[in-house]
Amino acid sequence: MQRDELADFLRRRREAIRPAEVGFTDGPRRRAIGLRREEVAMLAGMSVDYVVRLEQGRSSQPSTQLLGALARALRLSDDERDHLFHLAGHRPPPADGVARLARAGLVRMLDLLGDTPALVLSDLGEILAQNRAAVLLTGDHTGFSGDRRYVVYRWFTEPAARAVCPPEEQEHQARQLVADLRAAVGRQSGDPTVAGLVGRLQAASADFRRLWAEHEVAVRRADRKTMLHPRVGRLVMNCETLVTPDQGQQLLVLTPADAETRERLELLRVLGIEEFPTRATDDSRLPG
């Protein structure tokens, strides 16, 4: 681990980001160059003290999970992210491995979307990054581990994960998740990660076994779904999915389908993130 180089790199990247790029006010009273340390800490889901120690070269070796969070918070390019991992004494995540990070270009698109909720997902449905509007809408779901990283696994194994969806729409949502997973299996034939996930789902859920046996295949592109939010109620959202050329990652963009939903989203933005469950502590608002 190259502590001094790591500290210098993190400090320079923090100072290079304009606050407005990541949703913070860039007013005349602001004295800090770039982001404040507490803002980086909030974006990365870690303590301010740890960010300070990293920038002063006094920290212990950060884990790969923390490095991934810092890479997202600091909007690092793929090359910068790999450099960050090297400085911290870790091998960078493989381009197509399980531990993938959201592509830098997609993360920048999240920033540009501003108040429009948007998420980056892997082809297996792991949420890799969310903008602030998506966190307000669904909670922060980038901190899961193991099979719980995958929306489809939580949907079929944890009843609370289905609370986001009205009962009359749950069968449709389940079919979509299974059909999308089937398409991923076809693209990654022979991949033990994919085969293992399917096997564990079959062992855990009779509903999954029933739908899997029907062999429906469909990559999700566009859809309309109803979401039940605990603070503002029923939301009808148009969902547009943009897929990278290699189909490895998806950008999911959620826009209000009617005036009432638009007003409720505005209310949600006013209410803010105060007292809202984050960092994978509540599964009741999962997108998919």
C-alpha atoms as a PDB file:
ATOM      1  CA  MET A   1       0.000   0.000   0.000  1.00  0.00           C
ATOM      2  CA  GLN A   2       1.429   3.367  -1.053  1.00  0.00           C
ATOM      3  CA  ARG A   3      -0.069   5.578   1.658  1.00  0.00           C
ATOM      4  CA  ASP A   4       1.401   8.928   0.626  1.00  0.00           C
ATOM      5  CA  GLU A   5       0.568   8.445  -3.062  1.00  0.00           C
ATOM      6  CA  LEU A   6      -2.911   7.240  -2.169  1.00  0.00           C
ATOM      7  CA  ALA A   7      -3.468  10.267   0.085  1.00  0.00           C
ATOM      8  CA  ASP A   8      -2.318  12.701  -2.603  1.00  0.00           C
ATOM      9  CA  PHE A   9      -4.436  11.049  -5.296  1.00  0.00           C
ATOM     10  CA  LEU A  10      -7.606  11.074  -3.192  1.00  0.00           C
ATOM     11  CA  ARG A  11      -7.110  14.694  -2.158  1.00  0.00           C
ATOM     12  CA  ARG A  12      -6.526  15.866  -5.732  1.00  0.00           C
ATOM     13  CA  ARG A  13      -9.527  13.972  -7.084  1.00  0.00           C
ATOM     14  CA  ARG A  14     -11.744  15.402  -4.329  1.00  0.00           C
ATOM     15  CA  GLU A  15     -10.611  18.938  -5.120  1.00  0.00           C
ATOM     16  CA  ALA A  16     -11.201  18.423  -8.852  1.00  0.00           C
ATOM     17  CA  ILE A  17     -14.949  17.731  -8.539  1.00  0.00           C
ATOM     18  CA  ARG A  18     -17.377  20.624  -8.702  1.00  0.00           C
ATOM     19  CA  PRO A  19     -20.030  20.216  -5.997  1.00  0.00           C
ATOM     20  CA  ALA A  20     -22.850  20.808  -8.482  1.00  0.00           C
ATOM     21  CA  GLU A  21     -21.716  17.749 -10.445  1.00  0.00           C
ATOM     22  CA  VAL A  22     -22.766  15.483  -7.583  1.00  0.00           C
ATOM     23  CA  GLY A  23     -25.829  17.361  -6.352  1.00  0.00           C
ATOM     24  CA  PHE A  24     -24.359  19.758  -3.775  1.00  0.00           C
ATOM     25  CA  THR A  25     -24.834  23.528  -3.693  1.00  0.00           C
ATOM     26  CA  ASP A  26     -21.939  25.509  -5.147  1.00  0.00           C
ATOM     27  CA  GLY A  27     -22.731  28.879  -3.576  1.00  0.00           C
ATOM     28  CA  PRO A  28     -20.672  32.052  -3.032  1.00  0.00           C
ATOM     29  CA  ARG A  29     -19.984  31.241   0.645  1.00  0.00           C
ATOM     30  CA  ARG A  30     -18.242  28.012  -0.212  1.00  0.00           C
ATOM     31  CA  ARG A  31     -14.538  28.186   0.595  1.00  0.00           C
ATOM     32  CA  ALA A  32     -13.464  24.596  -0.040  1.00  0.00           C
ATOM     33  CA  ILE A  33     -11.929  23.702  -3.391  1.00  0.00           C
ATOM     34  CA  GLY A  34     -14.022  20.941  -4.885  1.00  0.00           C
ATOM     35  CA  LEU A  35     -15.877  18.667  -2.494  1.00  0.00           C
ATOM     36  CA  ARG A  36     -15.598  18.810   1.274  1.00  0.00           C
ATOM     37  CA  ARG A  37     -14.365  15.697   3.067  1.00  0.00           C
ATOM     38  CA  GLU A  38     -17.725  15.249   4.771  1.00  0.00           C
ATOM     39  CA  GLU A  39     -19.407  15.283   1.356  1.00  0.00           C
ATOM     40  CA  VAL A  40     -17.107  12.554   0.081  1.00  0.00           C
ATOM     41  CA  ALA A  41     -17.827  10.588   3.241  1.00  0.00           C
ATOM     42  CA  MET A  42     -21.572  10.915   2.712  1.00  0.00           C
ATOM     43  CA  LEU A  43     -21.379   9.902  -0.951  1.00  0.00           C
ATOM     44  CA  ALA A  44     -19.164   6.914  -0.142  1.00  0.00           C
ATOM     45  CA  GLY A  45     -21.081   5.806   2.965  1.00  0.00           C
ATOM     46  CA  MET A  46     -18.100   5.976   5.329  1.00  0.00           C
ATOM     47  CA  SER A  47     -17.048   8.097   8.272  1.00  0.00           C
ATOM     48  CA  VAL A  48     -15.508  11.547   7.838  1.00  0.00           C
ATOM     49  CA  ASP A  49     -12.703  10.511  10.184  1.00  0.00           C
ATOM     50  CA  TYR A  50     -11.717   7.671   7.853  1.00  0.00           C
ATOM     51  CA  VAL A  51     -11.669   9.984   4.825  1.00  0.00           C
ATOM     52  CA  VAL A  52      -9.434  12.392   6.776  1.00  0.00           C
ATOM     53  CA  ARG A  53      -7.054   9.596   7.753  1.00  0.00           C
ATOM     54  CA  LEU A  54      -6.880   8.358   4.153  1.00  0.00           C
ATOM     55  CA  GLU A  55      -5.970  11.846   2.919  1.00  0.00           C
ATOM     56  CA  GLN A  56      -3.356  12.231   5.654  1.00  0.00           C
ATOM     57  CA  GLY A  57      -1.742   8.861   4.944  1.00  0.00           C
ATOM     58  CA  ARG A  58      -2.634   7.505   8.397  1.00  0.00           C
ATOM     59  CA  SER A  59      -5.264   4.900   7.526  1.00  0.00           C
ATOM     60  CA  SER A  60      -5.219   1.136   7.551  1.00  0.00           C
ATOM     61  CA  GLN A  61      -5.498  -0.562   4.171  1.00  0.00           C
ATOM     62  CA  PRO A  62      -9.004   0.114   2.803  1.00  0.00           C
ATOM     63  CA  SER A  63     -11.042  -2.873   1.664  1.00  0.00           C
ATOM     64  CA  THR A  64     -12.009  -3.366  -1.977  1.00  0.00           C
ATOM     65  CA  GLN A  65     -15.605  -2.504  -1.032  1.00  0.00           C
ATOM     66  CA  LEU A  66     -14.518   0.857   0.416  1.00  0.00           C
ATOM     67  CA  LEU A  67     -12.369   1.535  -2.633  1.00  0.00           C
ATOM     68  CA  GLY A  68     -15.316   0.840  -4.890  1.00  0.00           C
ATOM     69  CA  ALA A  69     -17.429   3.278  -2.878  1.00  0.00           C
ATOM     70  CA  LEU A  70     -14.709   5.942  -3.098  1.00  0.00           C
ATOM     71  CA  ALA A  71     -14.368   5.397  -6.840  1.00  0.00           C
ATOM     72  CA  ARG A  72     -18.096   6.022  -7.276  1.00  0.00           C
ATOM     73  CA  ALA A  73     -18.119   9.031  -4.930  1.00  0.00           C
ATOM     74  CA  LEU A  74     -15.167  10.656  -6.711  1.00  0.00           C
ATOM     75  CA  ARG A  75     -16.512   9.807 -10.186  1.00  0.00           C
ATOM     76  CA  LEU A  76     -13.267   8.108 -11.194  1.00  0.00           C
ATOM     77  CA  SER A  77     -12.719   6.904 -14.728  1.00  0.00           C
ATOM     78  CA  ASP A  78     -11.933   3.220 -15.238  1.00  0.00           C
ATOM     79  CA  ASP A  79      -8.192   3.981 -15.427  1.00  0.00           C
ATOM     80  CA  GLU A  80      -8.340   6.165 -12.298  1.00  0.00           C
ATOM     81  CA  ARG A  81     -10.284   3.470 -10.443  1.00  0.00           C
ATOM     82  CA  ASP A  82      -7.656   0.857 -11.327  1.00  0.00           C
ATOM     83  CA  HIS A  83      -4.908   3.254 -10.186  1.00  0.00           C
ATOM     84  CA  LEU A  84      -6.737   3.730  -6.882  1.00  0.00           C
ATOM     85  CA  PHE A  85      -6.806  -0.031  -6.314  1.00  0.00           C
ATOM     86  CA  HIS A  86      -3.095  -0.351  -7.141  1.00  0.00           C
ATOM     87  CA  LEU A  87      -2.143   2.447  -4.725  1.00  0.00           C
ATOM     88  CA  ALA A  88      -4.135   0.726  -1.978  1.00  0.00           C
ATOM     89  CA  GLY A  89      -2.351  -2.574  -2.589  1.00  0.00           C
ATOM     90  CA  HIS A  90      -5.256  -4.415  -4.244  1.00  0.00           C
ATOM     91  CA  ARG A  91      -5.716  -5.949  -7.651  1.00  0.00           C
ATOM     92  CA  PRO A  92      -8.331  -3.953  -9.634  1.00  0.00           C
ATOM     93  CA  PRO A  93     -11.644  -5.728 -10.206  1.00  0.00           C
ATOM     94  CA  PRO A  94     -11.793  -7.608 -13.522  1.00  0.00           C
ATOM     95  CA  ALA A  95     -13.689  -5.996 -16.343  1.00  0.00           C
ATOM     96  CA  ASP A  96     -16.230  -8.817 -16.445  1.00  0.00           C
ATOM     97  CA  GLY A  97     -15.952 -10.276 -12.966  1.00  0.00           C
ATOM     98  CA  VAL A  98     -18.477 -10.500 -10.148  1.00  0.00           C
ATOM     99  CA  ALA A  99     -16.925  -7.553  -8.310  1.00  0.00           C
ATOM    100  CA  ARG A 100     -17.507  -5.100 -11.159  1.00  0.00           C
ATOM    101  CA  LEU A 101     -17.993  -1.404 -10.554  1.00  0.00           C
ATOM    102  CA  ALA A 102     -20.317   0.843 -12.497  1.00  0.00           C
ATOM    103  CA  ARG A 103     -18.647   2.163 -15.615  1.00  0.00           C
ATOM    104  CA  ALA A 104     -17.400   5.686 -15.204  1.00  0.00           C
ATOM    105  CA  GLY A 105     -19.410   6.943 -18.190  1.00  0.00           C
ATOM    106  CA  LEU A 106     -22.625   5.563 -16.740  1.00  0.00           C
ATOM    107  CA  VAL A 107     -21.892   7.149 -13.354  1.00  0.00           C
ATOM    108  CA  ARG A 108     -21.452  10.512 -15.057  1.00  0.00           C
ATOM    109  CA  MET A 109     -24.795  10.004 -16.780  1.00  0.00           C
ATOM    110  CA  LEU A 110     -26.350   9.492 -13.335  1.00  0.00           C
ATOM    111  CA  ASP A 111     -25.024  12.915 -12.342  1.00  0.00           C
ATOM    112  CA  LEU A 112     -26.365  14.548 -15.502  1.00  0.00           C
ATOM    113  CA  LEU A 113     -29.846  13.129 -14.899  1.00  0.00           C
ATOM    114  CA  GLY A 114     -30.072  15.232 -11.727  1.00  0.00           C
ATOM    115  CA  ASP A 115     -33.534  14.936 -10.172  1.00  0.00           C
ATOM    116  CA  THR A 116     -34.505  11.994 -12.408  1.00  0.00           C
ATOM    117  CA  PRO A 117     -34.061   8.694 -10.513  1.00  0.00           C
ATOM    118  CA  ALA A 118     -31.544   6.443 -12.250  1.00  0.00           C
ATOM    119  CA  LEU A 119     -29.499   3.345 -11.395  1.00  0.00           C
ATOM    120  CA  VAL A 120     -26.692   1.315 -12.942  1.00  0.00           C
ATOM    121  CA  LEU A 121     -27.154  -2.457 -12.748  1.00  0.00           C
ATOM    122  CA  SER A 122     -25.040  -5.412 -13.790  1.00  0.00           C
ATOM    123  CA  ASP A 123     -26.477  -7.911 -16.255  1.00  0.00           C
ATOM    124  CA  LEU A 124     -27.396 -10.111 -13.269  1.00  0.00           C
ATOM    125  CA  GLY A 125     -29.304  -7.300 -11.578  1.00  0.00           C
ATOM    126  CA  GLU A 126     -26.779  -6.130  -9.012  1.00  0.00           C
ATOM    127  CA  ILE A 127     -27.245  -2.403  -8.313  1.00  0.00           C
ATOM    128  CA  LEU A 128     -23.804  -0.887  -8.876  1.00  0.00           C
ATOM    129  CA  ALA A 129     -24.605   2.816  -8.510  1.00  0.00           C
ATOM    130  CA  GLN A 130     -27.553   5.157  -7.880  1.00  0.00           C
ATOM    131  CA  ASN A 131     -27.994   8.893  -8.059  1.00  0.00           C
ATOM    132  CA  ARG A 132     -29.456  10.807  -5.122  1.00  0.00           C
ATOM    133  CA  ALA A 133     -32.939  10.860  -6.661  1.00  0.00           C
ATOM    134  CA  ALA A 134     -32.901   7.050  -6.892  1.00  0.00           C
ATOM    135  CA  VAL A 135     -31.790   6.751  -3.269  1.00  0.00           C
ATOM    136  CA  LEU A 136     -34.718   8.936  -2.234  1.00  0.00           C
ATOM    137  CA  LEU A 137     -37.048   6.734  -4.242  1.00  0.00           C
ATOM    138  CA  THR A 138     -35.768   3.254  -3.386  1.00  0.00           C
ATOM    139  CA  GLY A 139     -33.189   3.551  -0.587  1.00  0.00           C
ATOM    140  CA  ASP A 140     -29.486   2.809  -1.034  1.00  0.00           C
ATOM    141  CA  HIS A 141     -29.028  -0.737  -2.278  1.00  0.00           C
ATOM    142  CA  THR A 142     -25.363  -0.731  -3.308  1.00  0.00           C
ATOM    143  CA  GLY A 143     -24.019  -2.290  -0.094  1.00  0.00           C
ATOM    144  CA  PHE A 144     -25.350  -5.866  -0.240  1.00  0.00           C
ATOM    145  CA  SER A 145     -23.039  -8.885  -0.339  1.00  0.00           C
ATOM    146  CA  GLY A 146     -23.330 -12.487  -1.468  1.00  0.00           C
ATOM    147  CA  ASP A 147     -26.442 -13.499  -3.396  1.00  0.00           C
ATOM    148  CA  ARG A 148     -28.364 -10.629  -1.778  1.00  0.00           C
ATOM    149  CA  ARG A 149     -26.582  -8.299  -4.222  1.00  0.00           C
ATOM    150  CA  TYR A 150     -28.980  -9.477  -6.900  1.00  0.00           C
ATOM    151  CA  VAL A 151     -32.478  -7.985  -7.063  1.00  0.00           C
ATOM    152  CA  VAL A 152     -33.865 -11.268  -8.403  1.00  0.00           C
ATOM    153  CA  TYR A 153     -32.497 -13.222  -5.433  1.00  0.00           C
ATOM    154  CA  ARG A 154     -33.976 -10.855  -2.860  1.00  0.00           C
ATOM    155  CA  TRP A 155     -37.304 -10.819  -4.699  1.00  0.00           C
ATOM    156  CA  PHE A 156     -37.733 -14.601  -4.480  1.00  0.00           C
ATOM    157  CA  THR A 157     -36.217 -15.191  -1.032  1.00  0.00           C
ATOM    158  CA  GLU A 158     -37.233 -12.157   1.056  1.00  0.00           C
ATOM    159  CA  PRO A 159     -40.938 -11.244   1.271  1.00  0.00           C
ATOM    160  CA  ALA A 160     -40.118  -7.637   2.260  1.00  0.00           C
ATOM    161  CA  ALA A 161     -38.463  -7.115  -1.128  1.00  0.00           C
ATOM    162  CA  ARG A 162     -41.862  -7.396  -2.843  1.00  0.00           C
ATOM    163  CA  ALA A 163     -43.517  -4.694  -0.714  1.00  0.00           C
ATOM    164  CA  VAL A 164     -42.522  -2.054  -3.287  1.00  0.00           C
ATOM    165  CA  CYS A 165     -44.933  -3.609  -5.771  1.00  0.00           C
ATOM    166  CA  PRO A 166     -48.750  -3.782  -5.483  1.00  0.00           C
ATOM    167  CA  PRO A 167     -49.966  -7.386  -5.072  1.00  0.00           C
ATOM    168  CA  GLU A 168     -51.736  -7.335  -8.451  1.00  0.00           C
ATOM    169  CA  GLU A 169     -48.464  -6.520 -10.254  1.00  0.00           C
ATOM    170  CA  GLN A 170     -46.130  -8.903  -8.413  1.00  0.00           C
ATOM    171  CA  GLU A 171     -46.592 -11.828 -10.818  1.00  0.00           C
ATOM    172  CA  HIS A 172     -45.715  -9.603 -13.780  1.00  0.00           C
ATOM    173  CA  GLN A 173     -42.634  -8.289 -11.994  1.00  0.00           C
ATOM    174  CA  ALA A 174     -41.513 -11.801 -11.046  1.00  0.00           C
ATOM    175  CA  ARG A 175     -41.857 -12.962 -14.658  1.00  0.00           C
ATOM    176  CA  GLN A 176     -39.803 -10.016 -15.876  1.00  0.00           C
ATOM    177  CA  LEU A 177     -36.998 -10.743 -13.429  1.00  0.00           C
ATOM    178  CA  VAL A 178     -36.862 -14.423 -14.393  1.00  0.00           C
ATOM    179  CA  ALA A 179     -37.028 -13.742 -18.133  1.00  0.00           C
ATOM    180  CA  ASP A 180     -34.214 -11.204 -17.842  1.00  0.00           C
ATOM    181  CA  LEU A 181     -32.082 -13.669 -15.850  1.00  0.00           C
ATOM    182  CA  ARG A 182     -32.753 -16.330 -18.479  1.00  0.00           C
ATOM    183  CA  ALA A 183     -31.413 -13.959 -21.151  1.00  0.00           C
ATOM    184  CA  ALA A 184     -28.271 -13.347 -19.045  1.00  0.00           C
ATOM    185  CA  VAL A 185     -27.758 -17.109 -18.697  1.00  0.00           C
ATOM    186  CA  GLY A 186     -27.927 -17.466 -22.463  1.00  0.00           C
ATOM    187  CA  ARG A 187     -25.291 -14.765 -22.966  1.00  0.00           C
ATOM    188  CA  GLN A 188     -22.986 -16.243 -20.318  1.00  0.00           C
ATOM    189  CA  SER A 189     -23.396 -19.943 -20.965  1.00  0.00           C
ATOM    190  CA  GLY A 190     -20.979 -21.955 -18.840  1.00  0.00           C
ATOM    191  CA  ASP A 191     -20.255 -19.139 -16.364  1.00  0.00           C
ATOM    192  CA  PRO A 192     -20.202 -20.777 -12.903  1.00  0.00           C
ATOM    193  CA  THR A 193     -21.324 -17.545 -11.219  1.00  0.00           C
ATOM    194  CA  VAL A 194     -24.529 -17.434 -13.255  1.00  0.00           C
ATOM    195  CA  ALA A 195     -25.174 -21.164 -12.993  1.00  0.00           C
ATOM    196  CA  GLY A 196     -24.617 -21.060  -9.242  1.00  0.00           C
ATOM    197  CA  LEU A 197     -27.077 -18.195  -8.773  1.00  0.00           C
ATOM    198  CA  VAL A 198     -29.769 -20.032 -10.731  1.00  0.00           C
ATOM    199  CA  GLY A 199     -29.154 -23.242  -8.775  1.00  0.00           C
ATOM    200  CA  ARG A 200     -29.442 -21.516  -5.420  1.00  0.00           C
ATOM    201  CA  LEU A 201     -32.631 -19.738  -6.510  1.00  0.00           C
ATOM    202  CA  GLN A 202     -34.145 -23.029  -7.611  1.00  0.00           C
ATOM    203  CA  ALA A 203     -33.314 -24.548  -4.241  1.00  0.00           C
ATOM    204  CA  ALA A 204     -34.709 -21.596  -2.299  1.00  0.00           C
ATOM    205  CA  SER A 205     -37.943 -20.709  -4.112  1.00  0.00           C
ATOM    206  CA  ALA A 206     -40.814 -22.775  -5.502  1.00  0.00           C
ATOM    207  CA  ASP A 207     -42.090 -19.665  -7.330  1.00  0.00           C
ATOM    208  CA  PHE A 208     -38.752 -19.264  -9.047  1.00  0.00           C
ATOM    209  CA  ARG A 209     -38.722 -22.949 -10.070  1.00  0.00           C
ATOM    210  CA  ARG A 210     -42.213 -22.592 -11.549  1.00  0.00           C
ATOM    211  CA  LEU A 211     -41.332 -19.539 -13.623  1.00  0.00           C
ATOM    212  CA  TRP A 212     -37.894 -20.807 -14.609  1.00  0.00           C
ATOM    213  CA  ALA A 213     -39.471 -23.969 -16.026  1.00  0.00           C
ATOM    214  CA  GLU A 214     -41.572 -21.869 -18.416  1.00  0.00           C
ATOM    215  CA  HIS A 215     -38.367 -20.758 -20.226  1.00  0.00           C
ATOM    216  CA  GLU A 216     -39.482 -17.192 -20.962  1.00  0.00           C
ATOM    217  CA  VAL A 217     -36.664 -14.963 -22.261  1.00  0.00           C
ATOM    218  CA  ALA A 218     -36.785 -11.168 -22.461  1.00  0.00           C
ATOM    219  CA  VAL A 219     -34.231  -8.418 -21.885  1.00  0.00           C
ATOM    220  CA  ARG A 220     -36.015  -5.529 -20.171  1.00  0.00           C
ATOM    221  CA  ARG A 221     -36.006  -2.362 -22.273  1.00  0.00           C
ATOM    222  CA  ALA A 222     -39.054  -0.308 -21.368  1.00  0.00           C
ATOM    223  CA  ASP A 223     -41.875  -0.804 -18.902  1.00  0.00           C
ATOM    224  CA  ARG A 224     -44.372   0.987 -16.674  1.00  0.00           C
ATOM    225  CA  LYS A 225     -44.621  -0.032 -13.045  1.00  0.00           C
ATOM    226  CA  THR A 226     -46.347   1.061  -9.890  1.00  0.00           C
ATOM    227  CA  MET A 227     -44.253   1.576  -6.776  1.00  0.00           C
ATOM    228  CA  LEU A 228     -45.530   1.897  -3.215  1.00  0.00           C
ATOM    229  CA  HIS A 229     -43.373   4.386  -1.314  1.00  0.00           C
ATOM    230  CA  PRO A 230     -43.683   4.545   2.501  1.00  0.00           C
ATOM    231  CA  ARG A 231     -43.496   8.340   2.616  1.00  0.00           C
ATOM    232  CA  VAL A 232     -45.382   9.622  -0.447  1.00  0.00           C
ATOM    233  CA  GLY A 233     -47.557   6.662  -1.432  1.00  0.00           C
ATOM    234  CA  ARG A 234     -48.354   5.264  -4.859  1.00  0.00           C
ATOM    235  CA  LEU A 235     -46.048   6.210  -7.753  1.00  0.00           C
ATOM    236  CA  VAL A 236     -46.554   5.231 -11.399  1.00  0.00           C
ATOM    237  CA  MET A 237     -43.165   5.250 -13.131  1.00  0.00           C
ATOM    238  CA  ASN A 238     -42.052   4.816 -16.714  1.00  0.00           C
ATOM    239  CA  CYS A 239     -38.900   2.681 -16.772  1.00  0.00           C
ATOM    240  CA  GLU A 240     -36.434   2.938 -19.635  1.00  0.00           C
ATOM    241  CA  THR A 241     -33.445   0.599 -19.709  1.00  0.00           C
ATOM    242  CA  LEU A 242     -30.359   1.441 -21.749  1.00  0.00           C
ATOM    243  CA  VAL A 243     -27.902  -1.428 -22.229  1.00  0.00           C
ATOM    244  CA  THR A 244     -24.163  -1.136 -22.938  1.00  0.00           C
ATOM    245  CA  PRO A 245     -22.990  -2.635 -26.252  1.00  0.00           C
ATOM    246  CA  ASP A 246     -21.610  -5.752 -24.534  1.00  0.00           C
ATOM    247  CA  GLN A 247     -24.851  -6.020 -22.487  1.00  0.00           C
ATOM    248  CA  GLY A 248     -22.731  -6.142 -19.323  1.00  0.00           C
ATOM    249  CA  GLN A 249     -24.361  -3.173 -17.567  1.00  0.00           C
ATOM    250  CA  GLN A 250     -27.681  -1.350 -17.747  1.00  0.00           C
ATOM    251  CA  LEU A 251     -28.760   2.206 -17.022  1.00  0.00           C
ATOM    252  CA  LEU A 252     -32.296   2.209 -15.615  1.00  0.00           C
ATOM    253  CA  VAL A 253     -34.039   5.598 -15.787  1.00  0.00           C
ATOM    254  CA  LEU A 254     -37.331   6.167 -13.930  1.00  0.00           C
ATOM    255  CA  THR A 255     -39.648   9.021 -14.909  1.00  0.00           C
ATOM    256  CA  PRO A 256     -43.146   9.910 -13.603  1.00  0.00           C
ATOM    257  CA  ALA A 257     -45.956   8.583 -15.780  1.00  0.00           C
ATOM    258  CA  ASP A 258     -48.611  11.066 -14.636  1.00  0.00           C
ATOM    259  CA  ALA A 259     -49.041  14.448 -12.978  1.00  0.00           C
ATOM    260  CA  GLU A 260     -49.879  12.995  -9.565  1.00  0.00           C
ATOM    261  CA  THR A 261     -46.671  10.968  -9.513  1.00  0.00           C
ATOM    262  CA  ARG A 262     -44.689  14.028 -10.585  1.00  0.00           C
ATOM    263  CA  GLU A 263     -46.108  16.001  -7.662  1.00  0.00           C
ATOM    264  CA  ARG A 264     -45.316  13.206  -5.216  1.00  0.00           C
ATOM    265  CA  LEU A 265     -41.739  12.996  -6.463  1.00  0.00           C
ATOM    266  CA  GLU A 266     -41.399  16.750  -5.951  1.00  0.00           C
ATOM    267  CA  LEU A 267     -42.655  16.274  -2.389  1.00  0.00           C
ATOM    268  CA  LEU A 268     -40.126  13.494  -1.870  1.00  0.00           C
ATOM    269  CA  ARG A 269     -37.306  15.789  -2.977  1.00  0.00           C
ATOM    270  CA  VAL A 270     -38.500  18.422  -0.484  1.00  0.00           C
ATOM    271  CA  LEU A 271     -38.668  15.863   2.324  1.00  0.00           C
ATOM    272  CA  GLY A 272     -35.115  14.829   1.478  1.00  0.00           C
ATOM    273  CA  ILE A 273     -33.184  11.867   2.716  1.00  0.00           C
ATOM    274  CA  GLU A 274     -33.603  12.586   6.428  1.00  0.00           C
ATOM    275  CA  GLU A 275     -34.374   9.473   8.460  1.00  0.00           C
ATOM    276  CA  PHE A 276     -34.507   7.413   5.272  1.00  0.00           C
ATOM    277  CA  PRO A 277     -32.991   3.897   5.536  1.00  0.00           C
ATOM    278  CA  THR A 278     -29.761   3.558   3.554  1.00  0.00           C
ATOM    279  CA  ARG A 279     -26.827   1.256   2.995  1.00  0.00           C
ATOM    280  CA  ALA A 280     -28.854  -1.900   2.494  1.00  0.00           C
ATOM    281  CA  THR A 281     -30.636  -1.706   5.837  1.00  0.00           C
ATOM    282  CA  ASP A 282     -34.162  -1.961   4.427  1.00  0.00           C
ATOM    283  CA  ASP A 283     -35.312  -4.142   1.554  1.00  0.00           C
ATOM    284  CA  SER A 284     -38.830  -2.789   1.137  1.00  0.00           C
ATOM    285  CA  ARG A 285     -38.168  -0.482  -1.839  1.00  0.00           C
ATOM    286  CA  LEU A 286     -36.164  -2.535  -4.270  1.00  0.00           C
ATOM    287  CA  PRO A 287     -36.255  -1.677  -7.981  1.00  0.00           C
ATOM    288  CA  GLY A 288     -36.188  -4.330 -10.595  1.00  0.00           C
END
